[in-house]
Amino acid sequence: YSFVKAHSASYAMLSFRSAYLRRHHPAEFMAAVISNRGGFYTTLAYASESRRMGLTLLPPSVNESELRCRGKELTLRFGLELIGGLNSATARELVAERQRSGLFASIDALARRLRMERSDAEALAGSGALDELSPELSRAEKLMRLLAAGASRESQKSRELELFPDAP
């Protein structure tokens, strides 16, 4: 019988702490729940619950998002990990490059500083993570610009290798 008591006591402590965090730090709590992808409900259900709680949900962003969701005050920013189709290595490299060299000023700057596969570019553009870069363009136009800039970068490297084959 002591096993049952110990188990129920530990679950009670967990539920009390969770209730406290949910009440007093709702954005941080929901960011952790969504980032852990745990529980019975889908990410969409947790996002809906976050809105019901009065939180402002911000989409993923190449300049603002970390890998995991982040909550602060009454704002929740979705993390890059939640973007379907985005390679986790690309997401990690994007965050590392932004920390090394600062924010991405444009889509062209992103393409120059970060090499990515077409599927990664499609995932970033489709998720809205590029929306703050060139806001006048549609998501499809942003994708085309990102792909064109990436292709231009690759052809420039090819030309350099032809001219200077022994260069590092």
N, C-alpha and C. Protein backbone atom coordinates (compact mmCIF):
# COMPACT_ATOMS: atom_id res chain seq x y z
N TYR A 1 0.81 -1.20 0.00
CA TYR A 1 0.00 0.00 0.00
C TYR A 1 0.85 1.26 0.00
N SER A 2 2.06 1.22 0.52
CA SER A 2 2.88 2.42 0.56
C SER A 2 3.26 2.87 -0.85
N PHE A 3 3.37 1.94 -1.80
CA PHE A 3 3.67 2.32 -3.19
C PHE A 3 2.57 3.21 -3.74
N VAL A 4 1.31 2.86 -3.50
CA VAL A 4 0.19 3.64 -3.99
C VAL A 4 0.20 5.03 -3.38
N LYS A 5 0.46 5.12 -2.07
CA LYS A 5 0.50 6.43 -1.41
C LYS A 5 1.63 7.29 -1.98
N ALA A 6 2.79 6.70 -2.17
CA ALA A 6 3.92 7.46 -2.70
C ALA A 6 3.62 7.94 -4.12
N HIS A 7 3.03 7.07 -4.90
CA HIS A 7 2.67 7.43 -6.27
C HIS A 7 1.65 8.57 -6.28
N SER A 8 0.62 8.45 -5.49
CA SER A 8 -0.41 9.49 -5.48
C SER A 8 0.15 10.80 -4.94
N ALA A 9 1.04 10.75 -3.98
CA ALA A 9 1.65 11.97 -3.45
C ALA A 9 2.52 12.65 -4.51
N SER A 10 3.29 11.87 -5.26
CA SER A 10 4.15 12.48 -6.28
C SER A 10 3.31 13.09 -7.41
N TYR A 11 2.23 12.43 -7.79
CA TYR A 11 1.35 13.00 -8.82
C TYR A 11 0.62 14.23 -8.30
N ALA A 12 0.28 14.24 -7.03
CA ALA A 12 -0.36 15.43 -6.45
C ALA A 12 0.59 16.61 -6.49
N MET A 13 1.85 16.40 -6.13
CA MET A 13 2.84 17.49 -6.18
C MET A 13 3.02 17.99 -7.61
N LEU A 14 3.08 17.08 -8.55
CA LEU A 14 3.23 17.46 -9.96
C LEU A 14 2.02 18.28 -10.42
N SER A 15 0.84 17.85 -10.05
CA SER A 15 -0.36 18.59 -10.48
C SER A 15 -0.46 19.95 -9.81
N PHE A 16 -0.06 20.06 -8.53
CA PHE A 16 -0.07 21.36 -7.84
C PHE A 16 0.90 22.32 -8.50
N ARG A 17 2.09 21.84 -8.80
CA ARG A 17 3.10 22.70 -9.44
C ARG A 17 2.66 23.12 -10.83
N SER A 18 2.10 22.18 -11.57
CA SER A 18 1.62 22.50 -12.92
C SER A 18 0.50 23.54 -12.88
N ALA A 19 -0.42 23.38 -11.93
CA ALA A 19 -1.52 24.33 -11.80
C ALA A 19 -0.98 25.72 -11.44
N TYR A 20 0.01 25.77 -10.55
CA TYR A 20 0.61 27.06 -10.18
C TYR A 20 1.25 27.72 -11.40
N LEU A 21 2.03 26.97 -12.15
CA LEU A 21 2.70 27.53 -13.34
C LEU A 21 1.69 27.98 -14.38
N ARG A 22 0.66 27.18 -14.59
CA ARG A 22 -0.37 27.53 -15.58
C ARG A 22 -1.07 28.83 -15.20
N ARG A 23 -1.32 29.01 -13.92
CA ARG A 23 -2.03 30.21 -13.45
C ARG A 23 -1.13 31.44 -13.43
N HIS A 24 0.10 31.31 -12.95
CA HIS A 24 0.95 32.47 -12.73
C HIS A 24 1.96 32.74 -13.85
N HIS A 25 2.22 31.76 -14.68
CA HIS A 25 3.15 31.91 -15.82
C HIS A 25 2.55 31.20 -17.03
N PRO A 26 1.39 31.65 -17.51
CA PRO A 26 0.69 30.90 -18.55
C PRO A 26 1.45 30.76 -19.87
N ALA A 27 2.12 31.82 -20.32
CA ALA A 27 2.82 31.74 -21.61
C ALA A 27 3.98 30.76 -21.53
N GLU A 28 4.74 30.82 -20.46
CA GLU A 28 5.87 29.92 -20.29
C GLU A 28 5.39 28.47 -20.15
N PHE A 29 4.30 28.30 -19.42
CA PHE A 29 3.75 26.96 -19.21
C PHE A 29 3.29 26.36 -20.54
N MET A 30 2.51 27.12 -21.30
CA MET A 30 2.00 26.59 -22.56
C MET A 30 3.12 26.40 -23.58
N ALA A 31 4.14 27.26 -23.54
CA ALA A 31 5.30 27.08 -24.43
C ALA A 31 5.98 25.75 -24.15
N ALA A 32 6.13 25.42 -22.87
CA ALA A 32 6.75 24.15 -22.50
C ALA A 32 5.89 22.96 -22.91
N VAL A 33 4.58 23.07 -22.70
CA VAL A 33 3.68 21.98 -23.07
C VAL A 33 3.72 21.74 -24.59
N ILE A 34 3.65 22.82 -25.37
CA ILE A 34 3.66 22.68 -26.83
C ILE A 34 5.02 22.16 -27.31
N SER A 35 6.09 22.68 -26.76
CA SER A 35 7.43 22.25 -27.18
C SER A 35 7.69 20.77 -26.88
N ASN A 36 7.12 20.29 -25.78
CA ASN A 36 7.33 18.89 -25.43
C ASN A 36 6.46 17.94 -26.25
N ARG A 37 5.51 18.49 -26.98
CA ARG A 37 4.61 17.69 -27.82
C ARG A 37 4.03 16.51 -27.05
N GLY A 38 3.82 16.74 -25.78
CA GLY A 38 3.31 15.66 -24.96
C GLY A 38 1.84 15.81 -24.70
N GLY A 39 1.33 14.85 -24.05
CA GLY A 39 -0.06 14.92 -23.67
C GLY A 39 -0.98 14.25 -24.66
N PHE A 40 -2.22 14.34 -24.34
CA PHE A 40 -3.26 13.66 -25.10
C PHE A 40 -3.67 14.46 -26.33
N TYR A 41 -3.54 15.79 -26.28
CA TYR A 41 -4.10 16.66 -27.31
C TYR A 41 -3.05 17.05 -28.35
N THR A 42 -3.53 17.54 -29.48
CA THR A 42 -2.64 17.98 -30.56
C THR A 42 -2.10 19.38 -30.26
N THR A 43 -1.11 19.78 -31.03
CA THR A 43 -0.55 21.13 -30.90
C THR A 43 -1.63 22.17 -31.16
N LEU A 44 -2.50 21.90 -32.11
CA LEU A 44 -3.59 22.82 -32.41
C LEU A 44 -4.51 23.01 -31.20
N ALA A 45 -4.79 21.93 -30.50
CA ALA A 45 -5.64 22.04 -29.30
C ALA A 45 -4.97 22.88 -28.23
N TYR A 46 -3.67 22.70 -28.05
CA TYR A 46 -2.94 23.51 -27.06
C TYR A 46 -2.88 24.97 -27.51
N ALA A 47 -2.73 25.21 -28.80
CA ALA A 47 -2.72 26.59 -29.31
C ALA A 47 -4.09 27.23 -29.06
N SER A 48 -5.16 26.49 -29.30
CA SER A 48 -6.50 27.01 -29.05
C SER A 48 -6.70 27.32 -27.57
N GLU A 49 -6.21 26.44 -26.72
CA GLU A 49 -6.31 26.68 -25.28
C GLU A 49 -5.50 27.92 -24.88
N SER A 50 -4.36 28.11 -25.52
CA SER A 50 -3.54 29.30 -25.24
C SER A 50 -4.29 30.57 -25.59
N ARG A 51 -4.96 30.57 -26.73
CA ARG A 51 -5.77 31.74 -27.11
C ARG A 51 -6.90 31.95 -26.11
N ARG A 52 -7.55 30.88 -25.70
CA ARG A 52 -8.64 30.98 -24.73
C ARG A 52 -8.14 31.57 -23.41
N MET A 53 -6.89 31.29 -23.08
CA MET A 53 -6.28 31.82 -21.85
C MET A 53 -5.87 33.28 -22.00
N GLY A 54 -6.04 33.84 -23.19
CA GLY A 54 -5.70 35.25 -23.41
C GLY A 54 -4.29 35.49 -23.91
N LEU A 55 -3.61 34.43 -24.33
CA LEU A 55 -2.24 34.59 -24.82
C LEU A 55 -2.26 35.01 -26.29
N THR A 56 -1.27 35.80 -26.67
CA THR A 56 -1.06 36.16 -28.06
C THR A 56 -0.08 35.15 -28.65
N LEU A 57 -0.47 34.51 -29.75
CA LEU A 57 0.38 33.52 -30.39
C LEU A 57 1.08 34.16 -31.58
N LEU A 58 2.40 34.04 -31.60
CA LEU A 58 3.19 34.58 -32.70
C LEU A 58 3.75 33.43 -33.52
N PRO A 59 3.75 33.57 -34.84
CA PRO A 59 4.22 32.47 -35.70
C PRO A 59 5.74 32.31 -35.61
N PRO A 60 6.25 31.23 -36.17
CA PRO A 60 7.70 31.06 -36.20
C PRO A 60 8.33 32.19 -37.01
N SER A 61 9.56 32.53 -36.67
CA SER A 61 10.26 33.64 -37.32
C SER A 61 11.74 33.31 -37.41
N VAL A 62 12.34 33.55 -38.58
CA VAL A 62 13.78 33.30 -38.71
C VAL A 62 14.59 34.24 -37.83
N ASN A 63 14.05 35.39 -37.47
CA ASN A 63 14.77 36.35 -36.65
C ASN A 63 14.43 36.31 -35.17
N GLU A 64 13.33 35.70 -34.80
CA GLU A 64 12.88 35.74 -33.40
C GLU A 64 12.78 34.37 -32.73
N SER A 65 12.47 33.35 -33.48
CA SER A 65 12.22 32.04 -32.88
C SER A 65 13.50 31.32 -32.47
N GLU A 66 13.39 30.59 -31.38
CA GLU A 66 14.42 29.65 -30.97
C GLU A 66 13.97 28.28 -31.49
N LEU A 67 14.66 27.23 -31.13
CA LEU A 67 14.24 25.90 -31.56
C LEU A 67 12.90 25.53 -30.93
N ARG A 68 12.78 25.78 -29.63
CA ARG A 68 11.56 25.46 -28.90
C ARG A 68 10.70 26.70 -28.76
N CYS A 69 9.44 26.50 -28.43
CA CYS A 69 8.53 27.63 -28.18
C CYS A 69 9.03 28.42 -26.98
N ARG A 70 8.74 29.71 -27.00
CA ARG A 70 9.12 30.59 -25.89
C ARG A 70 7.92 31.40 -25.47
N GLY A 71 7.74 31.51 -24.16
CA GLY A 71 6.67 32.32 -23.63
C GLY A 71 7.24 33.45 -22.79
N LYS A 72 6.61 34.60 -22.89
CA LYS A 72 7.01 35.74 -22.07
C LYS A 72 5.79 36.61 -21.85
N GLU A 73 5.50 36.87 -20.58
CA GLU A 73 4.32 37.62 -20.19
C GLU A 73 3.09 36.97 -20.81
N LEU A 74 2.38 37.63 -21.71
CA LEU A 74 1.18 37.02 -22.32
C LEU A 74 1.39 36.71 -23.80
N THR A 75 2.64 36.46 -24.18
CA THR A 75 2.96 36.18 -25.59
C THR A 75 3.67 34.85 -25.71
N LEU A 76 3.27 34.08 -26.69
CA LEU A 76 3.90 32.78 -26.96
C LEU A 76 4.40 32.80 -28.39
N ARG A 77 5.70 32.56 -28.59
CA ARG A 77 6.30 32.51 -29.93
C ARG A 77 6.59 31.05 -30.26
N PHE A 78 6.08 30.60 -31.40
CA PHE A 78 6.31 29.22 -31.81
C PHE A 78 7.76 29.02 -32.21
N GLY A 79 8.30 27.86 -31.89
CA GLY A 79 9.68 27.53 -32.18
C GLY A 79 9.84 26.91 -33.56
N LEU A 80 11.08 26.91 -34.02
CA LEU A 80 11.38 26.35 -35.34
C LEU A 80 11.17 24.84 -35.39
N GLU A 81 11.29 24.17 -34.24
CA GLU A 81 11.06 22.72 -34.21
C GLU A 81 9.66 22.33 -34.66
N LEU A 82 8.71 23.23 -34.53
CA LEU A 82 7.32 22.91 -34.85
C LEU A 82 7.01 23.03 -36.34
N ILE A 83 7.95 23.53 -37.12
CA ILE A 83 7.71 23.69 -38.56
C ILE A 83 7.83 22.33 -39.23
N GLY A 84 6.72 21.85 -39.75
CA GLY A 84 6.71 20.57 -40.44
C GLY A 84 7.57 20.62 -41.69
N GLY A 85 8.41 19.61 -41.87
CA GLY A 85 9.25 19.53 -43.07
C GLY A 85 10.59 20.24 -42.94
N LEU A 86 10.81 20.97 -41.85
CA LEU A 86 12.09 21.65 -41.66
C LEU A 86 13.06 20.69 -40.97
N ASN A 87 14.19 20.45 -41.61
CA ASN A 87 15.21 19.57 -41.07
C ASN A 87 15.72 20.16 -39.76
N SER A 88 15.85 19.33 -38.73
CA SER A 88 16.29 19.83 -37.43
C SER A 88 17.71 20.38 -37.48
N ALA A 89 18.56 19.83 -38.34
CA ALA A 89 19.93 20.35 -38.48
C ALA A 89 19.90 21.76 -39.07
N THR A 90 19.01 21.99 -40.02
CA THR A 90 18.87 23.32 -40.61
C THR A 90 18.36 24.31 -39.58
N ALA A 91 17.40 23.90 -38.78
CA ALA A 91 16.86 24.78 -37.73
C ALA A 91 17.96 25.15 -36.74
N ARG A 92 18.76 24.17 -36.33
CA ARG A 92 19.85 24.44 -35.39
C ARG A 92 20.88 25.38 -36.02
N GLU A 93 21.21 25.15 -37.28
CA GLU A 93 22.19 26.00 -37.96
C GLU A 93 21.65 27.42 -38.13
N LEU A 94 20.35 27.56 -38.40
CA LEU A 94 19.75 28.89 -38.53
C LEU A 94 19.89 29.68 -37.22
N VAL A 95 19.57 29.06 -36.11
CA VAL A 95 19.68 29.73 -34.81
C VAL A 95 21.14 30.06 -34.51
N ALA A 96 22.05 29.14 -34.78
CA ALA A 96 23.47 29.37 -34.53
C ALA A 96 24.01 30.51 -35.38
N GLU A 97 23.63 30.55 -36.66
CA GLU A 97 24.08 31.62 -37.55
C GLU A 97 23.54 32.97 -37.11
N ARG A 98 22.31 33.00 -36.68
CA ARG A 98 21.71 34.26 -36.20
C ARG A 98 22.43 34.73 -34.93
N GLN A 99 22.80 33.82 -34.05
CA GLN A 99 23.52 34.20 -32.84
C GLN A 99 24.94 34.67 -33.16
N ARG A 100 25.57 34.06 -34.17
CA ARG A 100 26.93 34.44 -34.57
C ARG A 100 26.97 35.81 -35.25
N SER A 101 26.06 36.01 -36.22
CA SER A 101 26.17 37.17 -37.11
C SER A 101 25.01 38.15 -37.05
N GLY A 102 24.06 37.93 -36.18
CA GLY A 102 22.95 38.87 -36.05
C GLY A 102 21.74 38.49 -36.88
N LEU A 103 20.73 39.35 -36.82
CA LEU A 103 19.46 39.10 -37.51
C LEU A 103 19.65 39.07 -39.02
N PHE A 104 18.74 38.40 -39.69
CA PHE A 104 18.74 38.35 -41.15
C PHE A 104 18.00 39.58 -41.67
N ALA A 105 18.68 40.40 -42.47
CA ALA A 105 18.09 41.65 -42.95
C ALA A 105 17.16 41.42 -44.13
N SER A 106 17.37 40.35 -44.88
CA SER A 106 16.57 40.11 -46.07
C SER A 106 16.60 38.62 -46.41
N ILE A 107 15.79 38.26 -47.37
CA ILE A 107 15.77 36.88 -47.84
C ILE A 107 17.11 36.55 -48.50
N ASP A 108 17.66 37.51 -49.25
CA ASP A 108 18.96 37.30 -49.88
C ASP A 108 20.05 37.07 -48.84
N ALA A 109 20.00 37.83 -47.76
CA ALA A 109 20.99 37.67 -46.68
C ALA A 109 20.86 36.28 -46.05
N LEU A 110 19.65 35.82 -45.86
CA LEU A 110 19.42 34.49 -45.32
C LEU A 110 20.02 33.44 -46.25
N ALA A 111 19.78 33.57 -47.54
CA ALA A 111 20.31 32.61 -48.51
C ALA A 111 21.84 32.64 -48.57
N ARG A 112 22.44 33.83 -48.42
CA ARG A 112 23.91 33.94 -48.43
C ARG A 112 24.52 33.28 -47.20
N ARG A 113 23.88 33.44 -46.06
CA ARG A 113 24.47 33.00 -44.80
C ARG A 113 24.14 31.56 -44.42
N LEU A 114 23.11 30.99 -45.02
CA LEU A 114 22.65 29.67 -44.61
C LEU A 114 22.35 28.81 -45.83
N ARG A 115 23.02 27.68 -45.93
CA ARG A 115 22.75 26.75 -47.03
C ARG A 115 21.63 25.81 -46.58
N MET A 116 20.63 25.64 -47.45
CA MET A 116 19.52 24.77 -47.09
C MET A 116 18.98 24.05 -48.31
N GLU A 117 18.36 22.95 -48.05
CA GLU A 117 17.70 22.17 -49.11
C GLU A 117 16.41 22.87 -49.53
N ARG A 118 15.92 22.49 -50.68
CA ARG A 118 14.67 23.07 -51.18
C ARG A 118 13.52 22.81 -50.21
N SER A 119 13.46 21.61 -49.64
CA SER A 119 12.37 21.29 -48.71
C SER A 119 12.40 22.19 -47.48
N ASP A 120 13.61 22.56 -47.03
CA ASP A 120 13.73 23.47 -45.89
C ASP A 120 13.24 24.86 -46.25
N ALA A 121 13.59 25.32 -47.45
CA ALA A 121 13.13 26.63 -47.92
C ALA A 121 11.60 26.65 -48.03
N GLU A 122 11.03 25.57 -48.55
CA GLU A 122 9.57 25.47 -48.67
C GLU A 122 8.91 25.49 -47.29
N ALA A 123 9.51 24.78 -46.34
CA ALA A 123 8.94 24.74 -44.99
C ALA A 123 8.99 26.11 -44.33
N LEU A 124 10.12 26.80 -44.45
CA LEU A 124 10.23 28.14 -43.85
C LEU A 124 9.25 29.12 -44.47
N ALA A 125 9.17 29.12 -45.79
CA ALA A 125 8.26 30.06 -46.47
C ALA A 125 6.80 29.71 -46.17
N GLY A 126 6.46 28.44 -46.22
CA GLY A 126 5.08 28.02 -46.00
C GLY A 126 4.59 28.25 -44.58
N SER A 127 5.50 28.20 -43.61
CA SER A 127 5.10 28.37 -42.21
C SER A 127 4.94 29.83 -41.81
N GLY A 128 5.41 30.74 -42.65
CA GLY A 128 5.36 32.15 -42.30
C GLY A 128 6.60 32.64 -41.59
N ALA A 129 7.62 31.79 -41.48
CA ALA A 129 8.85 32.19 -40.78
C ALA A 129 9.61 33.28 -41.51
N LEU A 130 9.29 33.51 -42.78
CA LEU A 130 9.96 34.56 -43.56
C LEU A 130 9.09 35.81 -43.71
N ASP A 131 7.92 35.82 -43.09
CA ASP A 131 6.96 36.90 -43.31
C ASP A 131 7.51 38.28 -42.99
N GLU A 132 8.39 38.39 -41.99
CA GLU A 132 8.92 39.71 -41.64
C GLU A 132 9.96 40.20 -42.64
N LEU A 133 10.53 39.29 -43.42
CA LEU A 133 11.49 39.67 -44.45
C LEU A 133 10.71 39.94 -45.74
N SER A 134 10.82 41.12 -46.28
CA SER A 134 10.09 41.51 -47.49
C SER A 134 8.58 41.29 -47.33
N PRO A 135 7.95 42.02 -46.41
CA PRO A 135 6.52 41.80 -46.15
C PRO A 135 5.63 42.10 -47.34
N GLU A 136 6.13 42.81 -48.34
CA GLU A 136 5.32 43.13 -49.51
C GLU A 136 5.16 41.93 -50.45
N LEU A 137 5.97 40.91 -50.27
CA LEU A 137 5.91 39.73 -51.13
C LEU A 137 4.98 38.67 -50.54
N SER A 138 4.37 37.90 -51.43
CA SER A 138 3.57 36.75 -50.97
C SER A 138 4.54 35.65 -50.52
N ARG A 139 4.02 34.66 -49.85
CA ARG A 139 4.88 33.55 -49.40
C ARG A 139 5.48 32.81 -50.59
N ALA A 140 4.72 32.66 -51.66
CA ALA A 140 5.25 32.00 -52.86
C ALA A 140 6.40 32.81 -53.45
N GLU A 141 6.24 34.13 -53.48
CA GLU A 141 7.31 34.99 -54.01
C GLU A 141 8.54 34.93 -53.12
N LYS A 142 8.35 34.85 -51.82
CA LYS A 142 9.48 34.74 -50.90
C LYS A 142 10.22 33.43 -51.14
N LEU A 143 9.47 32.36 -51.35
CA LEU A 143 10.10 31.07 -51.63
C LEU A 143 10.92 31.15 -52.92
N MET A 144 10.34 31.74 -53.95
CA MET A 144 11.06 31.84 -55.23
C MET A 144 12.33 32.68 -55.08
N ARG A 145 12.25 33.75 -54.31
CA ARG A 145 13.43 34.59 -54.09
C ARG A 145 14.49 33.83 -53.30
N LEU A 146 14.07 33.08 -52.30
CA LEU A 146 15.02 32.31 -51.49
C LEU A 146 15.70 31.23 -52.34
N LEU A 147 14.92 30.55 -53.16
CA LEU A 147 15.49 29.52 -54.03
C LEU A 147 16.43 30.12 -55.06
N ALA A 148 16.04 31.25 -55.64
CA ALA A 148 16.90 31.91 -56.65
C ALA A 148 18.20 32.39 -56.01
N ALA A 149 18.12 32.97 -54.83
CA ALA A 149 19.33 33.46 -54.15
C ALA A 149 20.23 32.29 -53.78
N GLY A 150 19.65 31.19 -53.36
CA GLY A 150 20.44 30.00 -53.03
C GLY A 150 21.12 29.42 -54.26
N ALA A 151 20.40 29.38 -55.39
CA ALA A 151 20.98 28.89 -56.63
C ALA A 151 22.10 29.80 -57.11
N SER A 152 21.91 31.10 -56.96
CA SER A 152 22.94 32.06 -57.34
C SER A 152 24.19 31.87 -56.49
N ARG A 153 24.00 31.64 -55.22
CA ARG A 153 25.13 31.40 -54.31
C ARG A 153 25.91 30.16 -54.73
N GLU A 154 25.19 29.10 -55.06
CA GLU A 154 25.84 27.85 -55.46
C GLU A 154 26.59 28.00 -56.77
N SER A 155 26.01 28.73 -57.74
CA SER A 155 26.70 28.90 -59.02
C SER A 155 27.94 29.78 -58.85
N GLN A 156 27.88 30.76 -57.95
CA GLN A 156 29.05 31.59 -57.64
C GLN A 156 30.17 30.73 -57.06
N LYS A 157 29.83 29.82 -56.16
CA LYS A 157 30.84 28.93 -55.58
C LYS A 157 31.44 28.03 -56.65
N SER A 158 30.61 27.55 -57.57
CA SER A 158 31.11 26.70 -58.66
C SER A 158 32.10 27.46 -59.52
N ARG A 159 31.79 28.71 -59.85
CA ARG A 159 32.70 29.52 -60.66
C ARG A 159 34.01 29.75 -59.92
N GLU A 160 33.94 30.01 -58.63
CA GLU A 160 35.16 30.21 -57.84
C GLU A 160 36.01 28.95 -57.81
N LEU A 161 35.38 27.78 -57.72
CA LEU A 161 36.13 26.53 -57.72
C LEU A 161 36.79 26.29 -59.06
N GLU A 162 36.13 26.68 -60.16
CA GLU A 162 36.72 26.53 -61.48
C GLU A 162 37.94 27.44 -61.63
N LEU A 163 37.84 28.68 -61.13
CA LEU A 163 38.94 29.64 -61.26
C LEU A 163 40.08 29.35 -60.28
N PHE A 164 39.72 28.94 -59.07
CA PHE A 164 40.71 28.70 -58.03
C PHE A 164 40.51 27.31 -57.42
N PRO A 165 40.90 26.25 -58.12
CA PRO A 165 40.61 24.89 -57.64
C PRO A 165 41.31 24.54 -56.33
N ASP A 166 42.41 25.20 -56.01
CA ASP A 166 43.14 24.85 -54.78
C ASP A 166 42.74 25.74 -53.60
N ALA A 167 41.80 26.66 -53.81
CA ALA A 167 41.39 27.56 -52.73
C ALA A 167 40.61 26.78 -51.67
N PRO A 168 40.72 27.21 -50.40
CA PRO A 168 40.01 26.48 -49.32
C PRO A 168 38.52 26.66 -49.39
